[in-house]
Amino acid sequence: MSANETRAIFVAGMKNAHAMENQALAIMKPQVKRIENYPEVAAKLQQHISETEGQILRLEEILTSLTEDHSSLKDMALSFTGAMAAIAHTVAGDEIIKNSLANYAFEHFEIAAYKSLITIAELSGHAGLVPSLQANLDEELAMAAWLDENLRAVTIKFASLKEAGATAKV
């Protein structure tokens, strides 16, 4: 594979990551607005929204350093699908559980994307860009770990609220 081909793969991956992070915002922002009975989840989502905004800035800095720009079309398309996913869960009687499961899966998708991007950055001669990508990866790993550690507690709280006849879904 030529250096130009490897660079093209890296740039495409960066544009995809930018769109992926915009999709993450479109998923999390509606969720956090609807949460009433799970303040610890709302606080963590709000923290990760801030982190995700920082991740987008890091990705934009990398793209700029490559004299590239993000793909507005990809950003818009994935933001739309993220918003639709968030809306789909609002009709579920167990919305908080469905959101927790979806967030867990999405975090692992992001983790895989950043691991791949770090590899292609190294292969394409852009090892100097790895620290920014690693920072994004570290935040995604931390969020995934938090979701994993808290899924049981969220599920127990949901079941307890439901048993008590309280609003449990969000």
N, C-alpha and C. Protein backbone atom coordinates (compact mmCIF):
# COMPACT_ATOMS: atom_id res chain seq x y z
N MET A 1 0.85 -1.18 0.00
CA MET A 1 0.00 0.00 0.00
C MET A 1 0.89 1.23 0.00
N SER A 2 0.55 2.21 -0.80
CA SER A 2 1.36 3.43 -0.88
C SER A 2 1.05 4.35 0.30
N ALA A 3 1.98 5.29 0.52
CA ALA A 3 1.79 6.26 1.60
C ALA A 3 0.54 7.11 1.35
N ASN A 4 0.26 7.40 0.10
CA ASN A 4 -0.94 8.19 -0.23
C ASN A 4 -2.22 7.43 0.12
N GLU A 5 -2.21 6.12 -0.16
CA GLU A 5 -3.39 5.31 0.16
C GLU A 5 -3.59 5.23 1.68
N THR A 6 -2.51 5.06 2.41
CA THR A 6 -2.60 4.97 3.87
C THR A 6 -3.09 6.31 4.44
N ARG A 7 -2.57 7.41 3.90
CA ARG A 7 -3.03 8.74 4.34
C ARG A 7 -4.52 8.90 4.06
N ALA A 8 -4.96 8.46 2.89
CA ALA A 8 -6.38 8.59 2.53
C ALA A 8 -7.25 7.78 3.49
N ILE A 9 -6.79 6.60 3.88
CA ILE A 9 -7.53 5.79 4.86
C ILE A 9 -7.60 6.53 6.19
N PHE A 10 -6.49 7.14 6.59
CA PHE A 10 -6.46 7.88 7.85
C PHE A 10 -7.40 9.08 7.81
N VAL A 11 -7.36 9.84 6.73
CA VAL A 11 -8.24 11.02 6.61
C VAL A 11 -9.70 10.59 6.62
N ALA A 12 -10.03 9.54 5.88
CA ALA A 12 -11.42 9.06 5.87
C ALA A 12 -11.84 8.63 7.28
N GLY A 13 -10.95 7.94 7.98
CA GLY A 13 -11.24 7.53 9.35
C GLY A 13 -11.44 8.71 10.27
N MET A 14 -10.64 9.75 10.09
CA MET A 14 -10.78 10.96 10.90
C MET A 14 -12.13 11.63 10.65
N LYS A 15 -12.52 11.72 9.40
CA LYS A 15 -13.82 12.31 9.06
C LYS A 15 -14.96 11.47 9.64
N ASN A 16 -14.80 10.15 9.58
CA ASN A 16 -15.81 9.26 10.16
C ASN A 16 -15.87 9.43 11.67
N ALA A 17 -14.71 9.58 12.32
CA ALA A 17 -14.69 9.77 13.77
C ALA A 17 -15.36 11.09 14.16
N HIS A 18 -15.13 12.12 13.37
CA HIS A 18 -15.78 13.41 13.63
C HIS A 18 -17.30 13.25 13.57
N ALA A 19 -17.77 12.57 12.54
CA ALA A 19 -19.21 12.34 12.39
C ALA A 19 -19.74 11.45 13.53
N MET A 20 -18.94 10.46 13.92
CA MET A 20 -19.32 9.56 15.01
C MET A 20 -19.51 10.34 16.31
N GLU A 21 -18.62 11.27 16.59
CA GLU A 21 -18.73 12.06 17.81
C GLU A 21 -19.93 13.00 17.76
N ASN A 22 -20.26 13.51 16.58
CA ASN A 22 -21.47 14.31 16.46
C ASN A 22 -22.71 13.44 16.68
N GLN A 23 -22.64 12.20 16.21
CA GLN A 23 -23.74 11.26 16.46
C GLN A 23 -23.87 11.00 17.96
N ALA A 24 -22.75 10.86 18.63
CA ALA A 24 -22.78 10.63 20.09
C ALA A 24 -23.49 11.78 20.80
N LEU A 25 -23.18 13.01 20.39
CA LEU A 25 -23.86 14.17 21.00
C LEU A 25 -25.36 14.12 20.73
N ALA A 26 -25.73 13.73 19.51
CA ALA A 26 -27.16 13.67 19.15
C ALA A 26 -27.88 12.58 19.93
N ILE A 27 -27.15 11.59 20.40
CA ILE A 27 -27.74 10.53 21.22
C ILE A 27 -27.84 10.97 22.67
N MET A 28 -26.76 11.55 23.20
CA MET A 28 -26.70 11.86 24.63
C MET A 28 -27.50 13.09 25.04
N LYS A 29 -27.50 14.13 24.23
CA LYS A 29 -28.17 15.37 24.64
C LYS A 29 -29.66 15.18 24.91
N PRO A 30 -30.40 14.50 24.04
CA PRO A 30 -31.82 14.27 24.36
C PRO A 30 -32.00 13.39 25.59
N GLN A 31 -31.12 12.42 25.77
CA GLN A 31 -31.22 11.53 26.93
C GLN A 31 -31.10 12.33 28.22
N VAL A 32 -30.08 13.15 28.31
CA VAL A 32 -29.81 13.86 29.56
C VAL A 32 -30.96 14.84 29.89
N LYS A 33 -31.61 15.37 28.88
CA LYS A 33 -32.73 16.28 29.11
C LYS A 33 -33.94 15.58 29.72
N ARG A 34 -34.08 14.28 29.45
CA ARG A 34 -35.26 13.54 29.89
C ARG A 34 -35.08 12.85 31.23
N ILE A 35 -33.87 12.74 31.72
CA ILE A 35 -33.62 11.99 32.95
C ILE A 35 -34.11 12.76 34.16
N GLU A 36 -34.92 12.08 34.99
CA GLU A 36 -35.43 12.69 36.21
C GLU A 36 -35.02 11.92 37.46
N ASN A 37 -35.05 10.61 37.38
CA ASN A 37 -34.86 9.77 38.57
C ASN A 37 -33.47 9.15 38.70
N TYR A 38 -32.58 9.50 37.84
CA TYR A 38 -31.24 8.90 37.82
C TYR A 38 -30.20 10.02 37.73
N PRO A 39 -30.06 10.82 38.79
CA PRO A 39 -29.16 11.98 38.72
C PRO A 39 -27.70 11.61 38.46
N GLU A 40 -27.29 10.42 38.93
CA GLU A 40 -25.91 10.00 38.69
C GLU A 40 -25.68 9.73 37.20
N VAL A 41 -26.68 9.20 36.51
CA VAL A 41 -26.57 8.96 35.07
C VAL A 41 -26.57 10.30 34.34
N ALA A 42 -27.45 11.20 34.73
CA ALA A 42 -27.51 12.52 34.09
C ALA A 42 -26.18 13.25 34.25
N ALA A 43 -25.61 13.20 35.43
CA ALA A 43 -24.33 13.89 35.68
C ALA A 43 -23.22 13.29 34.82
N LYS A 44 -23.18 11.97 34.73
CA LYS A 44 -22.13 11.32 33.94
C LYS A 44 -22.32 11.61 32.45
N LEU A 45 -23.56 11.59 31.98
CA LEU A 45 -23.81 11.92 30.58
C LEU A 45 -23.41 13.37 30.29
N GLN A 46 -23.73 14.27 31.20
CA GLN A 46 -23.36 15.68 31.00
C GLN A 46 -21.84 15.82 30.94
N GLN A 47 -21.15 15.11 31.81
CA GLN A 47 -19.69 15.14 31.79
C GLN A 47 -19.17 14.61 30.45
N HIS A 48 -19.77 13.52 29.98
CA HIS A 48 -19.29 12.93 28.73
C HIS A 48 -19.67 13.77 27.52
N ILE A 49 -20.76 14.51 27.61
CA ILE A 49 -21.09 15.46 26.55
C ILE A 49 -19.97 16.49 26.43
N SER A 50 -19.53 17.02 27.57
CA SER A 50 -18.42 17.99 27.56
C SER A 50 -17.15 17.36 27.00
N GLU A 51 -16.86 16.13 27.41
CA GLU A 51 -15.69 15.43 26.88
C GLU A 51 -15.81 15.24 25.37
N THR A 52 -17.00 14.86 24.91
CA THR A 52 -17.22 14.62 23.49
C THR A 52 -17.03 15.91 22.69
N GLU A 53 -17.48 17.02 23.23
CA GLU A 53 -17.24 18.30 22.56
C GLU A 53 -15.74 18.58 22.44
N GLY A 54 -14.99 18.23 23.47
CA GLY A 54 -13.53 18.36 23.42
C GLY A 54 -12.91 17.40 22.42
N GLN A 55 -13.47 16.20 22.33
CA GLN A 55 -12.98 15.22 21.36
C GLN A 55 -13.17 15.74 19.93
N ILE A 56 -14.31 16.35 19.68
CA ILE A 56 -14.57 16.91 18.36
C ILE A 56 -13.54 17.98 18.03
N LEU A 57 -13.22 18.83 19.00
CA LEU A 57 -12.20 19.86 18.78
C LEU A 57 -10.84 19.24 18.47
N ARG A 58 -10.47 18.17 19.19
CA ARG A 58 -9.20 17.49 18.91
C ARG A 58 -9.19 16.94 17.49
N LEU A 59 -10.30 16.33 17.09
CA LEU A 59 -10.39 15.77 15.74
C LEU A 59 -10.29 16.87 14.69
N GLU A 60 -10.93 18.00 14.95
CA GLU A 60 -10.84 19.13 14.01
C GLU A 60 -9.41 19.66 13.92
N GLU A 61 -8.71 19.70 15.06
CA GLU A 61 -7.30 20.13 15.04
C GLU A 61 -6.45 19.18 14.21
N ILE A 62 -6.70 17.89 14.35
CA ILE A 62 -5.94 16.91 13.56
C ILE A 62 -6.25 17.09 12.08
N LEU A 63 -7.53 17.20 11.74
CA LEU A 63 -7.90 17.39 10.34
C LEU A 63 -7.27 18.65 9.77
N THR A 64 -7.28 19.72 10.55
CA THR A 64 -6.66 20.98 10.10
C THR A 64 -5.17 20.78 9.87
N SER A 65 -4.51 20.04 10.76
CA SER A 65 -3.07 19.80 10.59
C SER A 65 -2.77 19.00 9.33
N LEU A 66 -3.76 18.26 8.85
CA LEU A 66 -3.63 17.49 7.61
C LEU A 66 -4.13 18.27 6.40
N THR A 67 -4.47 19.54 6.62
CA THR A 67 -5.11 20.42 5.61
C THR A 67 -6.36 19.75 5.03
N GLU A 68 -7.16 19.20 5.94
CA GLU A 68 -8.43 18.57 5.59
C GLU A 68 -9.53 19.19 6.45
N ASP A 69 -10.77 18.93 6.07
CA ASP A 69 -11.91 19.41 6.84
C ASP A 69 -12.83 18.22 7.10
N HIS A 70 -13.68 18.36 8.11
CA HIS A 70 -14.64 17.30 8.38
C HIS A 70 -15.69 17.27 7.28
N SER A 71 -16.44 16.20 7.22
CA SER A 71 -17.48 16.05 6.22
C SER A 71 -18.82 16.48 6.82
N SER A 72 -19.30 17.62 6.37
CA SER A 72 -20.58 18.13 6.88
C SER A 72 -21.72 17.15 6.58
N LEU A 73 -21.65 16.50 5.44
CA LEU A 73 -22.69 15.54 5.07
C LEU A 73 -22.69 14.34 6.03
N LYS A 74 -21.50 13.80 6.32
CA LYS A 74 -21.41 12.68 7.27
C LYS A 74 -21.86 13.13 8.65
N ASP A 75 -21.42 14.32 9.06
CA ASP A 75 -21.81 14.84 10.37
C ASP A 75 -23.33 14.92 10.48
N MET A 76 -23.95 15.49 9.46
CA MET A 76 -25.40 15.68 9.46
C MET A 76 -26.12 14.33 9.45
N ALA A 77 -25.67 13.41 8.60
CA ALA A 77 -26.33 12.11 8.49
C ALA A 77 -26.25 11.33 9.80
N LEU A 78 -25.08 11.28 10.40
CA LEU A 78 -24.95 10.52 11.64
C LEU A 78 -25.62 11.22 12.82
N SER A 79 -25.63 12.55 12.82
CA SER A 79 -26.36 13.27 13.87
C SER A 79 -27.85 12.95 13.78
N PHE A 80 -28.35 12.89 12.57
CA PHE A 80 -29.77 12.56 12.37
C PHE A 80 -30.07 11.16 12.87
N THR A 81 -29.22 10.19 12.52
CA THR A 81 -29.48 8.82 12.98
C THR A 81 -29.35 8.71 14.50
N GLY A 82 -28.44 9.47 15.08
CA GLY A 82 -28.32 9.48 16.54
C GLY A 82 -29.55 10.03 17.20
N ALA A 83 -30.08 11.12 16.65
CA ALA A 83 -31.29 11.72 17.21
C ALA A 83 -32.47 10.77 17.09
N MET A 84 -32.56 10.06 15.97
CA MET A 84 -33.65 9.10 15.78
C MET A 84 -33.53 7.94 16.77
N ALA A 85 -32.32 7.50 17.03
CA ALA A 85 -32.13 6.43 18.01
C ALA A 85 -32.58 6.87 19.39
N ALA A 86 -32.23 8.11 19.76
CA ALA A 86 -32.63 8.63 21.07
C ALA A 86 -34.15 8.73 21.17
N ILE A 87 -34.78 9.18 20.10
CA ILE A 87 -36.24 9.31 20.10
C ILE A 87 -36.91 7.94 20.19
N ALA A 88 -36.34 6.95 19.52
CA ALA A 88 -36.95 5.62 19.51
C ALA A 88 -37.09 5.05 20.91
N HIS A 89 -36.15 5.35 21.79
CA HIS A 89 -36.20 4.80 23.14
C HIS A 89 -37.21 5.52 24.04
N THR A 90 -37.65 6.72 23.66
CA THR A 90 -38.55 7.48 24.53
C THR A 90 -39.91 6.80 24.70
N VAL A 91 -40.29 5.96 23.79
CA VAL A 91 -41.59 5.28 23.90
C VAL A 91 -41.50 3.97 24.68
N ALA A 92 -40.30 3.57 25.01
CA ALA A 92 -40.12 2.32 25.74
C ALA A 92 -40.45 2.50 27.21
N GLY A 93 -41.05 1.51 27.79
CA GLY A 93 -41.36 1.56 29.21
C GLY A 93 -40.12 1.45 30.08
N ASP A 94 -39.05 0.97 29.49
CA ASP A 94 -37.78 0.85 30.20
C ASP A 94 -36.70 1.69 29.51
N GLU A 95 -37.05 2.92 29.22
CA GLU A 95 -36.17 3.83 28.47
C GLU A 95 -34.76 3.90 29.06
N ILE A 96 -34.64 4.04 30.37
CA ILE A 96 -33.33 4.19 30.98
C ILE A 96 -32.47 2.94 30.75
N ILE A 97 -33.10 1.77 30.76
CA ILE A 97 -32.37 0.52 30.51
C ILE A 97 -31.93 0.47 29.04
N LYS A 98 -32.85 0.75 28.14
CA LYS A 98 -32.51 0.73 26.71
C LYS A 98 -31.40 1.74 26.40
N ASN A 99 -31.49 2.92 26.98
CA ASN A 99 -30.43 3.92 26.77
C ASN A 99 -29.10 3.43 27.33
N SER A 100 -29.13 2.82 28.49
CA SER A 100 -27.90 2.31 29.10
C SER A 100 -27.24 1.25 28.22
N LEU A 101 -28.04 0.35 27.68
CA LEU A 101 -27.51 -0.69 26.81
C LEU A 101 -26.96 -0.10 25.51
N ALA A 102 -27.70 0.82 24.92
CA ALA A 102 -27.25 1.46 23.68
C ALA A 102 -25.99 2.28 23.90
N ASN A 103 -25.92 2.99 25.01
CA ASN A 103 -24.73 3.78 25.30
C ASN A 103 -23.51 2.89 25.49
N TYR A 104 -23.70 1.78 26.18
CA TYR A 104 -22.62 0.83 26.39
C TYR A 104 -22.09 0.32 25.04
N ALA A 105 -23.00 -0.06 24.16
CA ALA A 105 -22.61 -0.56 22.84
C ALA A 105 -21.91 0.54 22.03
N PHE A 106 -22.45 1.75 22.07
CA PHE A 106 -21.87 2.85 21.29
C PHE A 106 -20.48 3.20 21.79
N GLU A 107 -20.28 3.19 23.09
CA GLU A 107 -18.94 3.47 23.64
C GLU A 107 -17.92 2.46 23.12
N HIS A 108 -18.32 1.20 23.04
CA HIS A 108 -17.40 0.18 22.54
C HIS A 108 -17.13 0.34 21.04
N PHE A 109 -18.11 0.82 20.30
CA PHE A 109 -17.89 1.15 18.90
C PHE A 109 -16.84 2.26 18.79
N GLU A 110 -16.99 3.29 19.61
CA GLU A 110 -16.03 4.40 19.60
C GLU A 110 -14.63 3.92 20.00
N ILE A 111 -14.55 3.06 20.99
CA ILE A 111 -13.26 2.51 21.43
C ILE A 111 -12.58 1.80 20.26
N ALA A 112 -13.32 0.96 19.57
CA ALA A 112 -12.75 0.25 18.42
C ALA A 112 -12.31 1.22 17.33
N ALA A 113 -13.11 2.26 17.09
CA ALA A 113 -12.75 3.25 16.06
C ALA A 113 -11.44 3.95 16.41
N TYR A 114 -11.29 4.35 17.67
CA TYR A 114 -10.05 5.04 18.05
C TYR A 114 -8.84 4.11 18.04
N LYS A 115 -9.03 2.87 18.41
CA LYS A 115 -7.91 1.92 18.34
C LYS A 115 -7.45 1.75 16.89
N SER A 116 -8.39 1.66 15.98
CA SER A 116 -8.07 1.54 14.57
C SER A 116 -7.40 2.82 14.05
N LEU A 117 -7.93 3.97 14.44
CA LEU A 117 -7.33 5.25 14.01
C LEU A 117 -5.90 5.40 14.51
N ILE A 118 -5.65 5.00 15.73
CA ILE A 118 -4.29 5.08 16.28
C ILE A 118 -3.35 4.20 15.45
N THR A 119 -3.80 3.03 15.10
CA THR A 119 -2.99 2.13 14.28
C THR A 119 -2.69 2.73 12.92
N ILE A 120 -3.71 3.25 12.26
CA ILE A 120 -3.50 3.80 10.92
C ILE A 120 -2.69 5.10 10.99
N ALA A 121 -2.81 5.85 12.08
CA ALA A 121 -1.97 7.05 12.25
C ALA A 121 -0.50 6.64 12.29
N GLU A 122 -0.21 5.59 13.04
CA GLU A 122 1.17 5.11 13.13
C GLU A 122 1.65 4.60 11.78
N LEU A 123 0.81 3.84 11.07
CA LEU A 123 1.19 3.29 9.77
C LEU A 123 1.38 4.36 8.71
N SER A 124 0.64 5.46 8.83
CA SER A 124 0.70 6.51 7.81
C SER A 124 1.73 7.59 8.12
N GLY A 125 2.53 7.37 9.15
CA GLY A 125 3.57 8.35 9.47
C GLY A 125 3.07 9.54 10.26
N HIS A 126 1.95 9.38 10.93
CA HIS A 126 1.37 10.47 11.72
C HIS A 126 1.37 10.14 13.21
N ALA A 127 2.45 9.53 13.66
CA ALA A 127 2.54 9.14 15.07
C ALA A 127 2.42 10.33 16.01
N GLY A 128 2.78 11.52 15.55
CA GLY A 128 2.65 12.72 16.36
C GLY A 128 1.22 13.09 16.68
N LEU A 129 0.28 12.51 15.95
CA LEU A 129 -1.14 12.79 16.19
C LEU A 129 -1.76 11.79 17.17
N VAL A 130 -1.03 10.76 17.49
CA VAL A 130 -1.53 9.71 18.37
C VAL A 130 -1.94 10.22 19.75
N PRO A 131 -1.18 11.12 20.39
CA PRO A 131 -1.60 11.56 21.73
C PRO A 131 -3.03 12.14 21.78
N SER A 132 -3.43 12.88 20.78
CA SER A 132 -4.80 13.42 20.76
C SER A 132 -5.82 12.30 20.60
N LEU A 133 -5.51 11.35 19.74
CA LEU A 133 -6.41 10.21 19.55
C LEU A 133 -6.45 9.35 20.81
N GLN A 134 -5.31 9.21 21.47
CA GLN A 134 -5.25 8.43 22.71
C GLN A 134 -6.07 9.11 23.80
N ALA A 135 -6.05 10.44 23.84
CA ALA A 135 -6.85 11.17 24.83
C ALA A 135 -8.33 10.87 24.61
N ASN A 136 -8.77 10.88 23.35
CA ASN A 136 -10.16 10.55 23.06
C ASN A 136 -10.46 9.11 23.46
N LEU A 137 -9.56 8.20 23.12
CA LEU A 137 -9.74 6.79 23.47
C LEU A 137 -9.84 6.62 24.98
N ASP A 138 -8.98 7.29 25.73
CA ASP A 138 -9.00 7.16 27.19
C ASP A 138 -10.34 7.61 27.77
N GLU A 139 -10.91 8.70 27.22
CA GLU A 139 -12.21 9.17 27.70
C GLU A 139 -13.31 8.17 27.37
N GLU A 140 -13.24 7.56 26.19
CA GLU A 140 -14.24 6.56 25.82
C GLU A 140 -14.11 5.31 26.69
N LEU A 141 -12.88 4.90 26.97
CA LEU A 141 -12.67 3.75 27.86
C LEU A 141 -13.22 4.03 29.26
N ALA A 142 -13.02 5.24 29.74
CA ALA A 142 -13.52 5.60 31.08
C ALA A 142 -15.05 5.60 31.10
N MET A 143 -15.67 6.12 30.06
CA MET A 143 -17.13 6.14 30.01
C MET A 143 -17.68 4.72 29.91
N ALA A 144 -17.06 3.90 29.08
CA ALA A 144 -17.51 2.51 28.95
C ALA A 144 -17.38 1.77 30.28
N ALA A 145 -16.30 2.01 30.99
CA ALA A 145 -16.10 1.37 32.29
C ALA A 145 -17.17 1.84 33.28
N TRP A 146 -17.49 3.14 33.28
CA TRP A 146 -18.52 3.66 34.17
C TRP A 146 -19.87 3.01 33.86
N LEU A 147 -20.20 2.94 32.58
CA LEU A 147 -21.46 2.32 32.19
C LEU A 147 -21.51 0.86 32.64
N ASP A 148 -20.41 0.16 32.47
CA ASP A 148 -20.33 -1.24 32.89
C ASP A 148 -20.51 -1.37 34.40
N GLU A 149 -19.83 -0.51 35.14
CA GLU A 149 -19.88 -0.57 36.61
C GLU A 149 -21.24 -0.16 37.16
N ASN A 150 -21.99 0.63 36.42
CA ASN A 150 -23.25 1.17 36.93
C ASN A 150 -24.51 0.54 36.34
N LEU A 151 -24.36 -0.36 35.39
CA LEU A 151 -25.55 -0.97 34.78
C LEU A 151 -26.39 -1.71 35.82
N ARG A 152 -25.75 -2.43 36.70
CA ARG A 152 -26.49 -3.17 37.74
C ARG A 152 -27.27 -2.20 38.62
N ALA A 153 -26.63 -1.13 39.08
CA ALA A 153 -27.30 -0.17 39.96
C ALA A 153 -28.48 0.51 39.26
N VAL A 154 -28.31 0.86 38.00
CA VAL A 154 -29.40 1.49 37.24
C VAL A 154 -30.56 0.50 37.10
N THR A 155 -30.23 -0.74 36.81
CA THR A 155 -31.26 -1.76 36.64
C THR A 155 -32.02 -2.00 37.95
N ILE A 156 -31.29 -2.07 39.04
CA ILE A 156 -31.92 -2.26 40.36
C ILE A 156 -32.82 -1.07 40.69
N LYS A 157 -32.34 0.13 40.44
CA LYS A 157 -33.14 1.32 40.73
C LYS A 157 -34.40 1.33 39.86
N PHE A 158 -34.25 1.00 38.58
CA PHE A 158 -35.41 0.93 37.69
C PHE A 158 -36.45 -0.04 38.24
N ALA A 159 -35.99 -1.25 38.61
CA ALA A 159 -36.91 -2.27 39.13
C ALA A 159 -37.57 -1.81 40.43
N SER A 160 -36.80 -1.17 41.30
CA SER A 160 -37.34 -0.69 42.58
C SER A 160 -38.41 0.38 42.36
N LEU A 161 -38.12 1.32 41.48
CA LEU A 161 -39.10 2.38 41.19
C LEU A 161 -40.35 1.78 40.57
N LYS A 162 -40.17 0.84 39.67
CA LYS A 162 -41.31 0.20 39.00
C LYS A 162 -42.17 -0.55 40.05
N GLU A 163 -41.52 -1.28 40.94
CA GLU A 163 -42.22 -2.01 42.01
C GLU A 163 -43.01 -1.06 42.90
N ALA A 164 -42.45 0.11 43.15
CA ALA A 164 -43.10 1.08 44.03
C ALA A 164 -44.19 1.88 43.31
N GLY A 165 -44.34 1.62 42.01
CA GLY A 165 -45.37 2.32 41.24
C GLY A 165 -44.95 3.71 40.82
N ALA A 166 -43.66 4.03 40.96
CA ALA A 166 -43.16 5.35 40.58
C ALA A 166 -42.77 5.33 39.11
N THR A 167 -42.61 6.54 38.57
CA THR A 167 -42.12 6.66 37.20
C THR A 167 -40.69 6.16 37.18
N ALA A 168 -40.45 5.14 36.41
CA ALA A 168 -39.13 4.50 36.44
C ALA A 168 -38.35 4.68 35.16
N LYS A 169 -39.05 4.99 34.04
CA LYS A 169 -38.36 4.90 32.76
C LYS A 169 -37.21 5.88 32.63
N VAL A 170 -37.34 7.10 33.12
CA VAL A 170 -36.23 8.05 33.02
C VAL A 170 -35.99 8.77 34.33
